Amino acid sequence: MMKRSLVMLVLLAAACKQPETPATPAGDAKRGQQLMTHYGCNSCHLIPGVSGPRGMVGPPLDHMAGRQFIAGKFPNTPPTMSQWLQNPQSLDPRNAMPNLGVTANDARDMAAYLSTLQ
């Protein structure tokens, strides 16, 4: 009986563990911030630190670093964010975000910038 209680206690403790913050990608966050304007991300999203149009089509990207999911479906990790930025349809063919032709290097830098948005 004691062993069963100990196992239950360990399982409960594991379930209550705080989710880990997504790792910061190896990229140039400052360049990524500039690329948000270059690719027109701010035409659809409100993005802290990015000037120009203030789009309301897509969700605001503030606090992106603290979010557990991208588009409410995919783990918010640097590789997944980079893939999402390069080709959102590769993850979800029915999503509304357009494929903007973001290169792999640009996506890495943009993901680095998004990871700074606490």
PDB file of N, CA and C in Angstrom:
ATOM      1  N   MET A   1       0.824  -1.189   0.000  1.00  0.00           N
ATOM      2  CA  MET A   1       0.000   0.000   0.000  1.00  0.00           C
ATOM      3  C   MET A   1       0.872   1.258   0.000  1.00  0.00           C
ATOM      4  N   MET A   2       1.979   1.241   0.772  1.00  0.00           N
ATOM      5  CA  MET A   2       2.873   2.389   0.853  1.00  0.00           C
ATOM      6  C   MET A   2       3.517   2.663  -0.503  1.00  0.00           C
ATOM      7  N   LYS A   3       3.882   1.596  -1.217  1.00  0.00           N
ATOM      8  CA  LYS A   3       4.504   1.738  -2.519  1.00  0.00           C
ATOM      9  C   LYS A   3       3.534   2.382  -3.497  1.00  0.00           C
ATOM     10  N   ARG A   4       2.288   1.983  -3.457  1.00  0.00           N
ATOM     11  CA  ARG A   4       1.264   2.536  -4.339  1.00  0.00           C
ATOM     12  C   ARG A   4       1.068   4.033  -4.049  1.00  0.00           C
ATOM     13  N   SER A   5       1.066   4.422  -2.787  1.00  0.00           N
ATOM     14  CA  SER A   5       0.917   5.832  -2.408  1.00  0.00           C
ATOM     15  C   SER A   5       2.092   6.657  -2.895  1.00  0.00           C
ATOM     16  N   LEU A   6       3.292   6.085  -2.786  1.00  0.00           N
ATOM     17  CA  LEU A   6       4.479   6.781  -3.245  1.00  0.00           C
ATOM     18  C   LEU A   6       4.436   6.992  -4.756  1.00  0.00           C
ATOM     19  N   VAL A   7       4.018   5.972  -5.493  1.00  0.00           N
ATOM     20  CA  VAL A   7       3.898   6.083  -6.949  1.00  0.00           C
ATOM     21  C   VAL A   7       2.880   7.163  -7.310  1.00  0.00           C
ATOM     22  N   MET A   8       1.757   7.201  -6.629  1.00  0.00           N
ATOM     23  CA  MET A   8       0.725   8.208  -6.891  1.00  0.00           C
ATOM     24  C   MET A   8       1.260   9.609  -6.602  1.00  0.00           C
ATOM     25  N   LEU A   9       2.023   9.748  -5.525  1.00  0.00           N
ATOM     26  CA  LEU A   9       2.592  11.036  -5.157  1.00  0.00           C
ATOM     27  C   LEU A   9       3.565  11.513  -6.226  1.00  0.00           C
ATOM     28  N   VAL A  10       4.393  10.626  -6.724  1.00  0.00           N
ATOM     29  CA  VAL A  10       5.346  10.972  -7.780  1.00  0.00           C
ATOM     30  C   VAL A  10       4.605  11.374  -9.051  1.00  0.00           C
ATOM     31  N   LEU A  11       3.568  10.644  -9.420  1.00  0.00           N
ATOM     32  CA  LEU A  11       2.787  10.978 -10.612  1.00  0.00           C
ATOM     33  C   LEU A  11       2.101  12.336 -10.468  1.00  0.00           C
ATOM     34  N   LEU A  12       1.550  12.602  -9.306  1.00  0.00           N
ATOM     35  CA  LEU A  12       0.913  13.899  -9.071  1.00  0.00           C
ATOM     36  C   LEU A  12       1.919  15.037  -9.139  1.00  0.00           C
ATOM     37  N   ALA A  13       3.083  14.844  -8.575  1.00  0.00           N
ATOM     38  CA  ALA A  13       4.117  15.881  -8.610  1.00  0.00           C
ATOM     39  C   ALA A  13       4.553  16.153 -10.048  1.00  0.00           C
ATOM     40  N   ALA A  14       4.672  15.111 -10.844  1.00  0.00           N
ATOM     41  CA  ALA A  14       5.064  15.279 -12.246  1.00  0.00           C
ATOM     42  C   ALA A  14       3.992  16.020 -13.029  1.00  0.00           C
ATOM     43  N   ALA A  15       2.743  15.748 -12.745  1.00  0.00           N
ATOM     44  CA  ALA A  15       1.637  16.406 -13.437  1.00  0.00           C
ATOM     45  C   ALA A  15       1.558  17.884 -13.095  1.00  0.00           C
ATOM     46  N   CYS A  16       2.006  18.271 -11.919  1.00  0.00           N
ATOM     47  CA  CYS A  16       1.942  19.658 -11.473  1.00  0.00           C
ATOM     48  C   CYS A  16       3.167  20.464 -11.874  1.00  0.00           C
ATOM     49  N   LYS A  17       4.140  19.844 -12.455  1.00  0.00           N
ATOM     50  CA  LYS A  17       5.368  20.535 -12.826  1.00  0.00           C
ATOM     51  C   LYS A  17       5.051  21.669 -13.792  1.00  0.00           C
ATOM     52  N   GLN A  18       5.679  22.814 -13.582  1.00  0.00           N
ATOM     53  CA  GLN A  18       5.489  23.963 -14.461  1.00  0.00           C
ATOM     54  C   GLN A  18       6.041  23.627 -15.844  1.00  0.00           C
ATOM     55  N   PRO A  19       5.344  24.057 -16.912  1.00  0.00           N
ATOM     56  CA  PRO A  19       5.867  23.802 -18.246  1.00  0.00           C
ATOM     57  C   PRO A  19       7.174  24.560 -18.463  1.00  0.00           C
ATOM     58  N   GLU A  20       8.045  23.959 -19.231  1.00  0.00           N
ATOM     59  CA  GLU A  20       9.330  24.579 -19.502  1.00  0.00           C
ATOM     60  C   GLU A  20       9.158  25.707 -20.502  1.00  0.00           C
ATOM     61  N   THR A  21       9.952  26.750 -20.348  1.00  0.00           N
ATOM     62  CA  THR A  21       9.956  27.845 -21.306  1.00  0.00           C
ATOM     63  C   THR A  21      10.639  27.354 -22.565  1.00  0.00           C
ATOM     64  N   PRO A  22      10.079  27.690 -23.734  1.00  0.00           N
ATOM     65  CA  PRO A  22      10.726  27.260 -24.963  1.00  0.00           C
ATOM     66  C   PRO A  22      12.171  27.769 -25.034  1.00  0.00           C
ATOM     67  N   ALA A  23      13.040  26.948 -25.564  1.00  0.00           N
ATOM     68  CA  ALA A  23      14.441  27.328 -25.677  1.00  0.00           C
ATOM     69  C   ALA A  23      14.597  28.475 -26.670  1.00  0.00           C
ATOM     70  N   THR A  24      15.554  29.332 -26.411  1.00  0.00           N
ATOM     71  CA  THR A  24      15.832  30.440 -27.314  1.00  0.00           C
ATOM     72  C   THR A  24      16.615  29.898 -28.503  1.00  0.00           C
ATOM     73  N   PRO A  25      16.148  30.188 -29.704  1.00  0.00           N
ATOM     74  CA  PRO A  25      16.860  29.694 -30.877  1.00  0.00           C
ATOM     75  C   PRO A  25      18.169  30.450 -31.082  1.00  0.00           C
ATOM     76  N   ALA A  26      19.112  29.806 -31.758  1.00  0.00           N
ATOM     77  CA  ALA A  26      20.354  30.474 -32.114  1.00  0.00           C
ATOM     78  C   ALA A  26      20.063  31.314 -33.347  1.00  0.00           C
ATOM     79  N   GLY A  27      19.886  32.575 -33.142  1.00  0.00           N
ATOM     80  CA  GLY A  27      19.587  33.485 -34.245  1.00  0.00           C
ATOM     81  C   GLY A  27      19.808  34.911 -33.793  1.00  0.00           C
ATOM     82  N   ASP A  28      19.715  35.834 -34.722  1.00  0.00           N
ATOM     83  CA  ASP A  28      19.926  37.251 -34.464  1.00  0.00           C
ATOM     84  C   ASP A  28      18.571  37.915 -34.241  1.00  0.00           C
ATOM     85  N   ALA A  29      18.220  38.124 -32.973  1.00  0.00           N
ATOM     86  CA  ALA A  29      16.903  38.674 -32.632  1.00  0.00           C
ATOM     87  C   ALA A  29      16.710  40.077 -33.196  1.00  0.00           C
ATOM     88  N   LYS A  30      17.748  40.890 -33.195  1.00  0.00           N
ATOM     89  CA  LYS A  30      17.638  42.259 -33.723  1.00  0.00           C
ATOM     90  C   LYS A  30      17.307  42.220 -35.214  1.00  0.00           C
ATOM     91  N   ARG A  31      17.991  41.354 -35.938  1.00  0.00           N
ATOM     92  CA  ARG A  31      17.705  41.197 -37.369  1.00  0.00           C
ATOM     93  C   ARG A  31      16.302  40.638 -37.558  1.00  0.00           C
ATOM     94  N   GLY A  32      15.915  39.699 -36.709  1.00  0.00           N
ATOM     95  CA  GLY A  32      14.576  39.124 -36.780  1.00  0.00           C
ATOM     96  C   GLY A  32      13.494  40.172 -36.604  1.00  0.00           C
ATOM     97  N   GLN A  33      13.731  41.134 -35.716  1.00  0.00           N
ATOM     98  CA  GLN A  33      12.784  42.220 -35.504  1.00  0.00           C
ATOM     99  C   GLN A  33      12.608  43.022 -36.795  1.00  0.00           C
ATOM    100  N   GLN A  34      13.700  43.313 -37.469  1.00  0.00           N
ATOM    101  CA  GLN A  34      13.650  44.057 -38.729  1.00  0.00           C
ATOM    102  C   GLN A  34      12.949  43.246 -39.827  1.00  0.00           C
ATOM    103  N   LEU A  35      13.169  41.937 -39.811  1.00  0.00           N
ATOM    104  CA  LEU A  35      12.558  41.078 -40.829  1.00  0.00           C
ATOM    105  C   LEU A  35      11.038  41.016 -40.689  1.00  0.00           C
ATOM    106  N   MET A  36      10.523  41.244 -39.498  1.00  0.00           N
ATOM    107  CA  MET A  36       9.067  41.251 -39.299  1.00  0.00           C
ATOM    108  C   MET A  36       8.416  42.304 -40.197  1.00  0.00           C
ATOM    109  N   THR A  37       9.080  43.447 -40.342  1.00  0.00           N
ATOM    110  CA  THR A  37       8.579  44.491 -41.243  1.00  0.00           C
ATOM    111  C   THR A  37       8.836  44.102 -42.689  1.00  0.00           C
ATOM    112  N   HIS A  38      10.020  43.584 -42.969  1.00  0.00           N
ATOM    113  CA  HIS A  38      10.389  43.194 -44.341  1.00  0.00           C
ATOM    114  C   HIS A  38       9.369  42.223 -44.937  1.00  0.00           C
ATOM    115  N   TYR A  39       8.953  41.244 -44.157  1.00  0.00           N
ATOM    116  CA  TYR A  39       8.000  40.240 -44.649  1.00  0.00           C
ATOM    117  C   TYR A  39       6.541  40.677 -44.463  1.00  0.00           C
ATOM    118  N   GLY A  40       6.324  41.821 -43.839  1.00  0.00           N
ATOM    119  CA  GLY A  40       4.965  42.327 -43.677  1.00  0.00           C
ATOM    120  C   GLY A  40       4.158  41.642 -42.591  1.00  0.00           C
ATOM    121  N   CYS A  41       4.832  41.039 -41.631  1.00  0.00           N
ATOM    122  CA  CYS A  41       4.121  40.333 -40.558  1.00  0.00           C
ATOM    123  C   CYS A  41       3.192  41.274 -39.794  1.00  0.00           C
ATOM    124  N   ASN A  42       3.625  42.535 -39.677  1.00  0.00           N
ATOM    125  CA  ASN A  42       2.835  43.514 -38.941  1.00  0.00           C
ATOM    126  C   ASN A  42       1.590  43.959 -39.718  1.00  0.00           C
ATOM    127  N   SER A  43       1.436  43.506 -40.937  1.00  0.00           N
ATOM    128  CA  SER A  43       0.206  43.789 -41.686  1.00  0.00           C
ATOM    129  C   SER A  43      -0.970  42.990 -41.127  1.00  0.00           C
ATOM    130  N   CYS A  44      -0.660  41.860 -40.509  1.00  0.00           N
ATOM    131  CA  CYS A  44      -1.711  40.998 -39.948  1.00  0.00           C
ATOM    132  C   CYS A  44      -1.652  40.879 -38.429  1.00  0.00           C
ATOM    133  N   HIS A  45      -0.478  41.108 -37.839  1.00  0.00           N
ATOM    134  CA  HIS A  45      -0.282  40.902 -36.407  1.00  0.00           C
ATOM    135  C   HIS A  45       0.159  42.185 -35.715  1.00  0.00           C
ATOM    136  N   LEU A  46      -0.272  42.359 -34.483  1.00  0.00           N
ATOM    137  CA  LEU A  46       0.321  43.373 -33.609  1.00  0.00           C
ATOM    138  C   LEU A  46       1.581  42.749 -33.040  1.00  0.00           C
ATOM    139  N   ILE A  47       2.722  43.409 -33.256  1.00  0.00           N
ATOM    140  CA  ILE A  47       4.001  42.855 -32.818  1.00  0.00           C
ATOM    141  C   ILE A  47       4.744  43.926 -32.028  1.00  0.00           C
ATOM    142  N   PRO A  48       4.962  43.710 -30.747  1.00  0.00           N
ATOM    143  CA  PRO A  48       5.701  44.694 -29.955  1.00  0.00           C
ATOM    144  C   PRO A  48       7.078  44.966 -30.558  1.00  0.00           C
ATOM    145  N   GLY A  49       7.428  46.247 -30.626  1.00  0.00           N
ATOM    146  CA  GLY A  49       8.746  46.621 -31.129  1.00  0.00           C
ATOM    147  C   GLY A  49       8.843  46.715 -32.631  1.00  0.00           C
ATOM    148  N   VAL A  50       7.747  46.454 -33.343  1.00  0.00           N
ATOM    149  CA  VAL A  50       7.753  46.520 -34.805  1.00  0.00           C
ATOM    150  C   VAL A  50       6.828  47.649 -35.222  1.00  0.00           C
ATOM    151  N   SER A  51       7.388  48.637 -35.909  1.00  0.00           N
ATOM    152  CA  SER A  51       6.597  49.790 -36.327  1.00  0.00           C
ATOM    153  C   SER A  51       5.946  49.525 -37.686  1.00  0.00           C
ATOM    154  N   GLY A  52       5.076  50.433 -38.067  1.00  0.00           N
ATOM    155  CA  GLY A  52       4.378  50.308 -39.339  1.00  0.00           C
ATOM    156  C   GLY A  52       2.934  49.926 -39.111  1.00  0.00           C
ATOM    157  N   PRO A  53       2.334  49.266 -40.097  1.00  0.00           N
ATOM    158  CA  PRO A  53       0.925  48.865 -39.946  1.00  0.00           C
ATOM    159  C   PRO A  53       0.726  48.029 -38.689  1.00  0.00           C
ATOM    160  N   ARG A  54      -0.449  48.101 -38.140  1.00  0.00           N
ATOM    161  CA  ARG A  54      -0.772  47.339 -36.929  1.00  0.00           C
ATOM    162  C   ARG A  54      -1.969  46.460 -37.255  1.00  0.00           C
ATOM    163  N   GLY A  55      -1.678  45.337 -37.879  1.00  0.00           N
ATOM    164  CA  GLY A  55      -2.726  44.443 -38.355  1.00  0.00           C
ATOM    165  C   GLY A  55      -3.541  43.811 -37.252  1.00  0.00           C
ATOM    166  N   MET A  56      -4.768  43.497 -37.605  1.00  0.00           N
ATOM    167  CA  MET A  56      -5.696  42.878 -36.661  1.00  0.00           C
ATOM    168  C   MET A  56      -6.278  41.577 -37.216  1.00  0.00           C
ATOM    169  N   VAL A  57      -5.704  41.055 -38.286  1.00  0.00           N
ATOM    170  CA  VAL A  57      -6.208  39.816 -38.891  1.00  0.00           C
ATOM    171  C   VAL A  57      -5.771  38.607 -38.076  1.00  0.00           C
ATOM    172  N   GLY A  58      -4.477  38.536 -37.792  1.00  0.00           N
ATOM    173  CA  GLY A  58      -3.930  37.437 -36.992  1.00  0.00           C
ATOM    174  C   GLY A  58      -3.858  37.829 -35.529  1.00  0.00           C
ATOM    175  N   PRO A  59      -3.543  36.892 -34.665  1.00  0.00           N
ATOM    176  CA  PRO A  59      -3.464  37.194 -33.234  1.00  0.00           C
ATOM    177  C   PRO A  59      -2.264  38.090 -32.923  1.00  0.00           C
ATOM    178  N   PRO A  60      -2.342  38.864 -31.849  1.00  0.00           N
ATOM    179  CA  PRO A  60      -1.170  39.643 -31.430  1.00  0.00           C
ATOM    180  C   PRO A  60      -0.049  38.689 -31.012  1.00  0.00           C
ATOM    181  N   LEU A  61       1.173  39.105 -31.260  1.00  0.00           N
ATOM    182  CA  LEU A  61       2.317  38.235 -30.973  1.00  0.00           C
ATOM    183  C   LEU A  61       3.049  38.628 -29.695  1.00  0.00           C
ATOM    184  N   ASP A  62       2.431  39.501 -28.886  1.00  0.00           N
ATOM    185  CA  ASP A  62       3.039  39.834 -27.606  1.00  0.00           C
ATOM    186  C   ASP A  62       3.051  38.585 -26.726  1.00  0.00           C
ATOM    187  N   HIS A  63       3.998  38.491 -25.874  1.00  0.00           N
ATOM    188  CA  HIS A  63       4.152  37.362 -24.945  1.00  0.00           C
ATOM    189  C   HIS A  63       4.362  36.021 -25.659  1.00  0.00           C
ATOM    190  N   MET A  64       4.849  36.060 -26.882  1.00  0.00           N
ATOM    191  CA  MET A  64       5.049  34.822 -27.637  1.00  0.00           C
ATOM    192  C   MET A  64       6.021  33.880 -26.932  1.00  0.00           C
ATOM    193  N   ALA A  65       7.011  34.439 -26.251  1.00  0.00           N
ATOM    194  CA  ALA A  65       8.002  33.593 -25.576  1.00  0.00           C
ATOM    195  C   ALA A  65       7.383  32.758 -24.464  1.00  0.00           C
ATOM    196  N   GLY A  66       6.312  33.233 -23.868  1.00  0.00           N
ATOM    197  CA  GLY A  66       5.689  32.509 -22.771  1.00  0.00           C
ATOM    198  C   GLY A  66       4.575  31.573 -23.189  1.00  0.00           C
ATOM    199  N   ARG A  67       4.254  31.563 -24.453  1.00  0.00           N
ATOM    200  CA  ARG A  67       3.172  30.694 -24.924  1.00  0.00           C
ATOM    201  C   ARG A  67       3.684  29.278 -25.138  1.00  0.00           C
ATOM    202  N   GLN A  68       2.860  28.329 -24.818  1.00  0.00           N
ATOM    203  CA  GLN A  68       3.239  26.922 -24.962  1.00  0.00           C
ATOM    204  C   GLN A  68       3.001  26.398 -26.373  1.00  0.00           C
ATOM    205  N   PHE A  69       2.105  27.060 -27.108  1.00  0.00           N
ATOM    206  CA  PHE A  69       1.730  26.553 -28.423  1.00  0.00           C
ATOM    207  C   PHE A  69       1.778  27.647 -29.480  1.00  0.00           C
ATOM    208  N   ILE A  70       2.032  27.228 -30.698  1.00  0.00           N
ATOM    209  CA  ILE A  70       1.947  28.074 -31.886  1.00  0.00           C
ATOM    210  C   ILE A  70       0.628  27.721 -32.554  1.00  0.00           C
ATOM    211  N   ALA A  71      -0.166  28.727 -32.868  1.00  0.00           N
ATOM    212  CA  ALA A  71      -1.475  28.528 -33.510  1.00  0.00           C
ATOM    213  C   ALA A  71      -2.378  27.618 -32.689  1.00  0.00           C
ATOM    214  N   GLY A  72      -2.120  27.546 -31.403  1.00  0.00           N
ATOM    215  CA  GLY A  72      -2.947  26.747 -30.515  1.00  0.00           C
ATOM    216  C   GLY A  72      -2.803  25.246 -30.691  1.00  0.00           C
ATOM    217  N   LYS A  73      -1.831  24.805 -31.503  1.00  0.00           N
ATOM    218  CA  LYS A  73      -1.729  23.388 -31.833  1.00  0.00           C
ATOM    219  C   LYS A  73      -0.339  22.782 -31.706  1.00  0.00           C
ATOM    220  N   PHE A  74       0.688  23.575 -31.967  1.00  0.00           N
ATOM    221  CA  PHE A  74       2.033  23.028 -32.129  1.00  0.00           C
ATOM    222  C   PHE A  74       2.947  23.528 -31.013  1.00  0.00           C
ATOM    223  N   PRO A  75       3.837  22.687 -30.504  1.00  0.00           N
ATOM    224  CA  PRO A  75       4.717  23.104 -29.412  1.00  0.00           C
ATOM    225  C   PRO A  75       5.545  24.327 -29.815  1.00  0.00           C
ATOM    226  N   ASN A  76       5.620  25.285 -28.934  1.00  0.00           N
ATOM    227  CA  ASN A  76       6.377  26.504 -29.200  1.00  0.00           C
ATOM    228  C   ASN A  76       7.854  26.249 -28.927  1.00  0.00           C
ATOM    229  N   THR A  77       8.505  25.651 -29.916  1.00  0.00           N
ATOM    230  CA  THR A  77       9.937  25.378 -29.854  1.00  0.00           C
ATOM    231  C   THR A  77      10.599  26.108 -31.021  1.00  0.00           C
ATOM    232  N   PRO A  78      11.895  26.399 -30.920  1.00  0.00           N
ATOM    233  CA  PRO A  78      12.560  27.082 -32.031  1.00  0.00           C
ATOM    234  C   PRO A  78      12.428  26.367 -33.384  1.00  0.00           C
ATOM    235  N   PRO A  79      12.624  25.039 -33.454  1.00  0.00           N
ATOM    236  CA  PRO A  79      12.477  24.395 -34.761  1.00  0.00           C
ATOM    237  C   PRO A  79      11.052  24.481 -35.316  1.00  0.00           C
ATOM    238  N   THR A  80      10.062  24.335 -34.444  1.00  0.00           N
ATOM    239  CA  THR A  80       8.675  24.394 -34.908  1.00  0.00           C
ATOM    240  C   THR A  80       8.326  25.812 -35.333  1.00  0.00           C
ATOM    241  N   MET A  81       8.766  26.807 -34.572  1.00  0.00           N
ATOM    242  CA  MET A  81       8.499  28.199 -34.940  1.00  0.00           C
ATOM    243  C   MET A  81       9.148  28.515 -36.279  1.00  0.00           C
ATOM    244  N   SER A  82      10.368  28.072 -36.481  1.00  0.00           N
ATOM    245  CA  SER A  82      11.041  28.306 -37.760  1.00  0.00           C
ATOM    246  C   SER A  82      10.285  27.651 -38.910  1.00  0.00           C
ATOM    247  N   GLN A  83       9.843  26.423 -38.703  1.00  0.00           N
ATOM    248  CA  GLN A  83       9.072  25.732 -39.742  1.00  0.00           C
ATOM    249  C   GLN A  83       7.774  26.480 -40.017  1.00  0.00           C
ATOM    250  N   TRP A  84       7.096  26.923 -38.956  1.00  0.00           N
ATOM    251  CA  TRP A  84       5.839  27.661 -39.102  1.00  0.00           C
ATOM    252  C   TRP A  84       6.060  28.943 -39.913  1.00  0.00           C
ATOM    253  N   LEU A  85       7.129  29.665 -39.617  1.00  0.00           N
ATOM    254  CA  LEU A  85       7.400  30.920 -40.320  1.00  0.00           C
ATOM    255  C   LEU A  85       7.770  30.682 -41.787  1.00  0.00           C
ATOM    256  N   GLN A  86       8.462  29.581 -42.059  1.00  0.00           N
ATOM    257  CA  GLN A  86       8.858  29.278 -43.436  1.00  0.00           C
ATOM    258  C   GLN A  86       7.697  28.785 -44.285  1.00  0.00           C
ATOM    259  N   ASN A  87       6.880  27.920 -43.690  1.00  0.00           N
ATOM    260  CA  ASN A  87       5.803  27.312 -44.469  1.00  0.00           C
ATOM    261  C   ASN A  87       4.697  26.839 -43.529  1.00  0.00           C
ATOM    262  N   PRO A  88       3.792  27.744 -43.151  1.00  0.00           N
ATOM    263  CA  PRO A  88       2.752  27.367 -42.191  1.00  0.00           C
ATOM    264  C   PRO A  88       1.886  26.202 -42.666  1.00  0.00           C
ATOM    265  N   GLN A  89       1.703  26.083 -43.965  1.00  0.00           N
ATOM    266  CA  GLN A  89       0.866  24.997 -44.490  1.00  0.00           C
ATOM    267  C   GLN A  89       1.506  23.624 -44.322  1.00  0.00           C
ATOM    268  N   SER A  90       2.822  23.587 -44.109  1.00  0.00           N
ATOM    269  CA  SER A  90       3.465  22.288 -43.878  1.00  0.00           C
ATOM    270  C   SER A  90       3.025  21.705 -42.538  1.00  0.00           C
ATOM    271  N   LEU A  91       2.633  22.563 -41.616  1.00  0.00           N
ATOM    272  CA  LEU A  91       2.146  22.094 -40.318  1.00  0.00           C
ATOM    273  C   LEU A  91       0.625  21.977 -40.294  1.00  0.00           C
ATOM    274  N   ASP A  92      -0.044  22.926 -40.925  1.00  0.00           N
ATOM    275  CA  ASP A  92      -1.509  22.931 -40.938  1.00  0.00           C
ATOM    276  C   ASP A  92      -1.981  23.457 -42.290  1.00  0.00           C
ATOM    277  N   PRO A  93      -2.300  22.565 -43.207  1.00  0.00           N
ATOM    278  CA  PRO A  93      -2.690  22.982 -44.560  1.00  0.00           C
ATOM    279  C   PRO A  93      -3.917  23.887 -44.610  1.00  0.00           C
ATOM    280  N   ARG A  94      -4.725  23.892 -43.558  1.00  0.00           N
ATOM    281  CA  ARG A  94      -5.960  24.674 -43.580  1.00  0.00           C
ATOM    282  C   ARG A  94      -5.858  25.987 -42.804  1.00  0.00           C
ATOM    283  N   ASN A  95      -4.667  26.360 -42.366  1.00  0.00           N
ATOM    284  CA  ASN A  95      -4.550  27.610 -41.611  1.00  0.00           C
ATOM    285  C   ASN A  95      -4.596  28.803 -42.558  1.00  0.00           C
ATOM    286  N   ALA A  96      -4.864  29.981 -41.999  1.00  0.00           N
ATOM    287  CA  ALA A  96      -5.044  31.189 -42.810  1.00  0.00           C
ATOM    288  C   ALA A  96      -3.754  31.972 -43.032  1.00  0.00           C
ATOM    289  N   MET A  97      -2.682  31.606 -42.351  1.00  0.00           N
ATOM    290  CA  MET A  97      -1.441  32.359 -42.514  1.00  0.00           C
ATOM    291  C   MET A  97      -0.809  32.039 -43.861  1.00  0.00           C
ATOM    292  N   PRO A  98      -0.483  33.089 -44.619  1.00  0.00           N
ATOM    293  CA  PRO A  98       0.099  32.833 -45.951  1.00  0.00           C
ATOM    294  C   PRO A  98       1.560  32.404 -45.868  1.00  0.00           C
ATOM    295  N   ASN A  99       1.989  31.676 -46.874  1.00  0.00           N
ATOM    296  CA  ASN A  99       3.400  31.341 -47.011  1.00  0.00           C
ATOM    297  C   ASN A  99       4.056  32.555 -47.660  1.00  0.00           C
ATOM    298  N   LEU A 100       4.934  33.217 -46.928  1.00  0.00           N
ATOM    299  CA  LEU A 100       5.559  34.454 -47.393  1.00  0.00           C
ATOM    300  C   LEU A 100       6.932  34.239 -48.007  1.00  0.00           C
ATOM    301  N   GLY A 101       7.339  32.989 -48.157  1.00  0.00           N
ATOM    302  CA  GLY A 101       8.647  32.709 -48.740  1.00  0.00           C
ATOM    303  C   GLY A 101       9.801  33.035 -47.812  1.00  0.00           C
ATOM    304  N   VAL A 102       9.581  32.913 -46.524  1.00  0.00           N
ATOM    305  CA  VAL A 102      10.626  33.187 -45.532  1.00  0.00           C
ATOM    306  C   VAL A 102      11.721  32.133 -45.666  1.00  0.00           C
ATOM    307  N   THR A 103      12.960  32.584 -45.745  1.00  0.00           N
ATOM    308  CA  THR A 103      14.085  31.644 -45.854  1.00  0.00           C
ATOM    309  C   THR A 103      14.376  31.013 -44.495  1.00  0.00           C
ATOM    310  N   ALA A 104      15.138  29.944 -44.510  1.00  0.00           N
ATOM    311  CA  ALA A 104      15.488  29.256 -43.261  1.00  0.00           C
ATOM    312  C   ALA A 104      16.266  30.179 -42.324  1.00  0.00           C
ATOM    313  N   ASN A 105      17.239  30.925 -42.851  1.00  0.00           N
ATOM    314  CA  ASN A 105      18.015  31.840 -42.007  1.00  0.00           C
ATOM    315  C   ASN A 105      17.144  32.955 -41.448  1.00  0.00           C
ATOM    316  N   ASP A 106      16.270  33.513 -42.283  1.00  0.00           N
ATOM    317  CA  ASP A 106      15.377  34.569 -41.819  1.00  0.00           C
ATOM    318  C   ASP A 106      14.412  34.034 -40.765  1.00  0.00           C
ATOM    319  N   ALA A 107      13.894  32.833 -40.977  1.00  0.00           N
ATOM    320  CA  ALA A 107      12.972  32.238 -40.004  1.00  0.00           C
ATOM    321  C   ALA A 107      13.664  32.035 -38.661  1.00  0.00           C
ATOM    322  N   ARG A 108      14.918  31.606 -38.676  1.00  0.00           N
ATOM    323  CA  ARG A 108      15.670  31.425 -37.436  1.00  0.00           C
ATOM    324  C   ARG A 108      15.796  32.753 -36.695  1.00  0.00           C
ATOM    325  N   ASP A 109      16.114  33.837 -37.422  1.00  0.00           N
ATOM    326  CA  ASP A 109      16.249  35.145 -36.779  1.00  0.00           C
ATOM    327  C   ASP A 109      14.896  35.681 -36.296  1.00  0.00           C
ATOM    328  N   MET A 110      13.853  35.451 -37.058  1.00  0.00           N
ATOM    329  CA  MET A 110      12.523  35.894 -36.646  1.00  0.00           C
ATOM    330  C   MET A 110      12.068  35.121 -35.402  1.00  0.00           C
ATOM    331  N   ALA A 111      12.348  33.836 -35.369  1.00  0.00           N
ATOM    332  CA  ALA A 111      12.010  33.031 -34.185  1.00  0.00           C
ATOM    333  C   ALA A 111      12.793  33.517 -32.977  1.00  0.00           C
ATOM    334  N   ALA A 112      14.040  33.928 -33.186  1.00  0.00           N
ATOM    335  CA  ALA A 112      14.842  34.466 -32.093  1.00  0.00           C
ATOM    336  C   ALA A 112      14.213  35.740 -31.559  1.00  0.00           C
ATOM    337  N   TYR A 113      13.702  36.592 -32.442  1.00  0.00           N
ATOM    338  CA  TYR A 113      13.034  37.815 -31.974  1.00  0.00           C
ATOM    339  C   TYR A 113      11.753  37.466 -31.210  1.00  0.00           C
ATOM    340  N   LEU A 114      10.952  36.591 -31.763  1.00  0.00           N
ATOM    341  CA  LEU A 114       9.702  36.211 -31.083  1.00  0.00           C
ATOM    342  C   LEU A 114       9.976  35.620 -29.710  1.00  0.00           C
ATOM    343  N   SER A 115      11.117  34.949 -29.572  1.00  0.00           N
ATOM    344  CA  SER A 115      11.452  34.338 -28.271  1.00  0.00           C
ATOM    345  C   SER A 115      11.827  35.380 -27.225  1.00  0.00           C
ATOM    346  N   THR A 116      12.011  36.641 -27.639  1.00  0.00           N
ATOM    347  CA  THR A 116      12.311  37.704 -26.672  1.00  0.00           C
ATOM    348  C   THR A 116      11.043  38.368 -26.146  1.00  0.00           C
ATOM    349  N   LEU A 117       9.905  38.078 -26.756  1.00  0.00           N
ATOM    350  CA  LEU A 117       8.673  38.771 -26.389  1.00  0.00           C
ATOM    351  C   LEU A 117       8.044  38.118 -25.175  1.00  0.00           C
ATOM    352  N   GLN A 118       8.433  38.608 -24.030  1.00  0.00           N
ATOM    353  CA  GLN A 118       7.932  38.089 -22.758  1.00  0.00           C
ATOM    354  C   GLN A 118       6.588  38.694 -22.496  1.00  0.00           C
TER     355      GLN A 118
END
